[in-house]
Amino acid sequence: MEVRIGIKHSPRELAFETEASAGEVRGLIDAAIAQDSALVALTDTRGRQYLVDTDSISYVELGGEGGRKVGFIS
């Protein structure tokens, strides 16, 4: 699943693919904001972690398939 996070005062967004479901990602973000945590940790499909400042999140877009698949379908 693709995740896009808009950062306040930044023209770019953080975009990555994860194996977690939309519910899991939303749960992590909701819990971090509810507990007044400074950071929320998210992991992509390659095992890289992204630490995002919860006060800087302007929006989160969840869903969609990962990147385009290349090749022939049989």
N, C-alpha and C. Protein backbone atom coordinates (compact mmCIF):
# COMPACT_ATOMS: atom_id res chain seq x y z
N MET A 1 0.83 -1.16 0.00
CA MET A 1 0.00 0.00 0.00
C MET A 1 0.88 1.24 0.00
N GLU A 2 0.44 2.28 -0.68
CA GLU A 2 1.19 3.52 -0.75
C GLU A 2 0.72 4.48 0.35
N VAL A 3 1.67 5.15 0.97
CA VAL A 3 1.39 6.14 2.01
C VAL A 3 2.02 7.46 1.57
N ARG A 4 1.25 8.55 1.68
CA ARG A 4 1.76 9.89 1.41
C ARG A 4 1.45 10.76 2.61
N ILE A 5 2.47 11.45 3.09
CA ILE A 5 2.30 12.31 4.26
C ILE A 5 2.73 13.72 3.88
N GLY A 6 1.82 14.66 4.04
CA GLY A 6 2.13 16.06 3.80
C GLY A 6 2.75 16.67 5.05
N ILE A 7 3.80 17.42 4.87
CA ILE A 7 4.52 18.05 5.98
C ILE A 7 4.27 19.56 5.92
N LYS A 8 3.89 20.15 7.06
CA LYS A 8 3.64 21.59 7.13
C LYS A 8 4.89 22.37 6.73
N HIS A 9 4.70 23.46 6.03
CA HIS A 9 5.77 24.37 5.62
C HIS A 9 6.81 23.70 4.72
N SER A 10 6.39 22.65 4.01
CA SER A 10 7.28 21.96 3.08
C SER A 10 6.53 21.73 1.77
N PRO A 11 7.15 22.07 0.64
CA PRO A 11 6.45 21.87 -0.64
C PRO A 11 6.41 20.40 -1.07
N ARG A 12 7.20 19.56 -0.43
CA ARG A 12 7.24 18.14 -0.81
C ARG A 12 6.50 17.30 0.21
N GLU A 13 6.15 16.10 -0.21
CA GLU A 13 5.50 15.17 0.69
C GLU A 13 6.37 13.93 0.85
N LEU A 14 6.17 13.21 1.93
CA LEU A 14 6.87 11.96 2.17
C LEU A 14 6.01 10.86 1.58
N ALA A 15 6.55 10.09 0.63
CA ALA A 15 5.80 9.02 -0.03
C ALA A 15 6.61 7.74 0.00
N PHE A 16 5.97 6.64 0.40
CA PHE A 16 6.64 5.34 0.44
C PHE A 16 5.59 4.24 0.39
N GLU A 17 6.04 3.02 0.14
CA GLU A 17 5.16 1.86 0.11
C GLU A 17 5.41 1.03 1.36
N THR A 18 4.34 0.48 1.91
CA THR A 18 4.44 -0.35 3.10
C THR A 18 3.59 -1.59 2.95
N GLU A 19 3.93 -2.60 3.72
CA GLU A 19 3.15 -3.84 3.71
C GLU A 19 2.02 -3.79 4.73
N ALA A 20 2.02 -2.77 5.58
CA ALA A 20 0.97 -2.62 6.59
C ALA A 20 -0.33 -2.21 5.92
N SER A 21 -1.43 -2.52 6.56
CA SER A 21 -2.74 -2.13 6.02
C SER A 21 -3.02 -0.67 6.35
N ALA A 22 -4.02 -0.12 5.70
CA ALA A 22 -4.41 1.27 5.96
C ALA A 22 -4.84 1.44 7.42
N GLY A 23 -5.52 0.46 7.96
CA GLY A 23 -5.95 0.50 9.36
C GLY A 23 -4.78 0.52 10.33
N GLU A 24 -3.74 -0.26 10.02
CA GLU A 24 -2.57 -0.30 10.89
C GLU A 24 -1.83 1.03 10.89
N VAL A 25 -1.64 1.61 9.71
CA VAL A 25 -0.94 2.89 9.60
C VAL A 25 -1.74 3.98 10.29
N ARG A 26 -3.04 4.00 10.05
CA ARG A 26 -3.88 5.00 10.70
C ARG A 26 -3.85 4.83 12.21
N GLY A 27 -3.87 3.59 12.68
CA GLY A 27 -3.81 3.32 14.12
C GLY A 27 -2.52 3.84 14.74
N LEU A 28 -1.39 3.64 14.06
CA LEU A 28 -0.11 4.15 14.57
C LEU A 28 -0.11 5.67 14.67
N ILE A 29 -0.62 6.32 13.64
CA ILE A 29 -0.64 7.79 13.63
C ILE A 29 -1.62 8.32 14.66
N ASP A 30 -2.81 7.73 14.73
CA ASP A 30 -3.80 8.16 15.72
C ASP A 30 -3.28 7.99 17.15
N ALA A 31 -2.63 6.86 17.42
CA ALA A 31 -2.11 6.60 18.76
C ALA A 31 -1.01 7.59 19.13
N ALA A 32 -0.12 7.88 18.18
CA ALA A 32 0.96 8.82 18.46
C ALA A 32 0.42 10.21 18.76
N ILE A 33 -0.59 10.64 18.02
CA ILE A 33 -1.17 11.96 18.24
C ILE A 33 -1.94 11.98 19.57
N ALA A 34 -2.70 10.93 19.87
CA ALA A 34 -3.49 10.87 21.09
C ALA A 34 -2.61 10.86 22.34
N GLN A 35 -1.43 10.23 22.24
CA GLN A 35 -0.51 10.14 23.38
C GLN A 35 0.46 11.31 23.44
N ASP A 36 0.27 12.30 22.59
CA ASP A 36 1.15 13.46 22.51
C ASP A 36 2.61 13.07 22.29
N SER A 37 2.83 12.00 21.51
CA SER A 37 4.19 11.60 21.16
C SER A 37 4.77 12.60 20.18
N ALA A 38 6.06 12.86 20.30
CA ALA A 38 6.72 13.80 19.40
C ALA A 38 6.88 13.20 18.01
N LEU A 39 7.08 11.88 17.94
CA LEU A 39 7.35 11.22 16.66
C LEU A 39 6.46 10.00 16.47
N VAL A 40 6.21 9.68 15.22
CA VAL A 40 5.57 8.42 14.86
C VAL A 40 6.54 7.70 13.93
N ALA A 41 6.74 6.40 14.15
CA ALA A 41 7.67 5.60 13.35
C ALA A 41 6.88 4.73 12.38
N LEU A 42 7.24 4.83 11.10
CA LEU A 42 6.61 4.02 10.05
C LEU A 42 7.69 3.30 9.28
N THR A 43 7.41 2.08 8.83
CA THR A 43 8.40 1.26 8.13
C THR A 43 7.92 0.96 6.72
N ASP A 44 8.83 1.08 5.73
CA ASP A 44 8.46 0.79 4.35
C ASP A 44 8.74 -0.67 4.01
N THR A 45 8.50 -1.05 2.76
CA THR A 45 8.66 -2.45 2.33
C THR A 45 10.10 -2.91 2.33
N ARG A 46 11.05 -1.99 2.30
CA ARG A 46 12.47 -2.35 2.31
C ARG A 46 13.06 -2.37 3.72
N GLY A 47 12.24 -2.10 4.72
CA GLY A 47 12.70 -2.12 6.10
C GLY A 47 13.24 -0.79 6.61
N ARG A 48 13.17 0.26 5.78
CA ARG A 48 13.62 1.58 6.23
C ARG A 48 12.55 2.18 7.13
N GLN A 49 13.00 2.87 8.18
CA GLN A 49 12.07 3.52 9.09
C GLN A 49 12.03 5.02 8.84
N TYR A 50 10.85 5.57 8.94
CA TYR A 50 10.64 7.01 8.80
C TYR A 50 10.09 7.51 10.13
N LEU A 51 10.76 8.49 10.72
CA LEU A 51 10.29 9.11 11.95
C LEU A 51 9.72 10.47 11.58
N VAL A 52 8.44 10.64 11.82
CA VAL A 52 7.75 11.86 11.40
C VAL A 52 7.28 12.61 12.64
N ASP A 53 7.57 13.91 12.68
CA ASP A 53 7.13 14.77 13.76
C ASP A 53 5.61 14.91 13.69
N THR A 54 4.91 14.49 14.73
CA THR A 54 3.45 14.49 14.70
C THR A 54 2.86 15.90 14.59
N ASP A 55 3.55 16.90 15.10
CA ASP A 55 3.06 18.28 15.00
C ASP A 55 3.18 18.83 13.58
N SER A 56 4.02 18.22 12.76
CA SER A 56 4.26 18.71 11.40
C SER A 56 3.40 18.05 10.34
N ILE A 57 2.59 17.08 10.71
CA ILE A 57 1.75 16.37 9.74
C ILE A 57 0.57 17.25 9.35
N SER A 58 0.45 17.53 8.05
CA SER A 58 -0.71 18.31 7.59
C SER A 58 -1.79 17.39 7.00
N TYR A 59 -1.39 16.28 6.37
CA TYR A 59 -2.36 15.30 5.89
C TYR A 59 -1.67 13.95 5.69
N VAL A 60 -2.48 12.90 5.66
CA VAL A 60 -1.99 11.55 5.39
C VAL A 60 -2.93 10.94 4.35
N GLU A 61 -2.35 10.45 3.26
CA GLU A 61 -3.12 9.79 2.21
C GLU A 61 -2.76 8.31 2.24
N LEU A 62 -3.75 7.47 2.43
CA LEU A 62 -3.53 6.03 2.53
C LEU A 62 -4.25 5.33 1.39
N GLY A 63 -3.63 4.28 0.87
CA GLY A 63 -4.33 3.45 -0.08
C GLY A 63 -3.66 3.37 -1.42
N GLY A 64 -4.35 2.69 -2.27
CA GLY A 64 -3.83 2.48 -3.61
C GLY A 64 -2.82 1.37 -3.64
N GLU A 65 -2.68 0.85 -4.79
CA GLU A 65 -1.66 -0.17 -5.01
C GLU A 65 -0.30 0.48 -4.96
N GLY A 66 0.73 -0.34 -4.83
CA GLY A 66 2.09 0.17 -4.89
C GLY A 66 2.38 0.69 -6.27
N GLY A 67 3.62 0.85 -6.61
CA GLY A 67 4.01 1.40 -7.91
C GLY A 67 3.48 0.57 -9.06
N ARG A 68 3.67 1.08 -10.24
CA ARG A 68 3.19 0.36 -11.43
C ARG A 68 3.97 -0.92 -11.62
N LYS A 69 3.26 -1.95 -12.05
CA LYS A 69 3.90 -3.23 -12.33
C LYS A 69 4.30 -3.24 -13.80
N VAL A 70 5.51 -3.74 -14.05
CA VAL A 70 6.04 -3.77 -15.41
C VAL A 70 6.11 -5.22 -15.88
N GLY A 71 5.75 -5.46 -17.10
CA GLY A 71 5.86 -6.80 -17.64
C GLY A 71 4.55 -7.26 -18.26
N PHE A 72 4.55 -8.49 -18.69
CA PHE A 72 3.38 -9.04 -19.33
C PHE A 72 2.62 -9.91 -18.35
N ILE A 73 1.32 -9.87 -18.45
CA ILE A 73 0.47 -10.69 -17.61
C ILE A 73 0.03 -11.88 -18.44
N SER A 74 0.21 -13.08 -17.89
CA SER A 74 -0.17 -14.26 -18.66
C SER A 74 -1.46 -14.84 -18.16
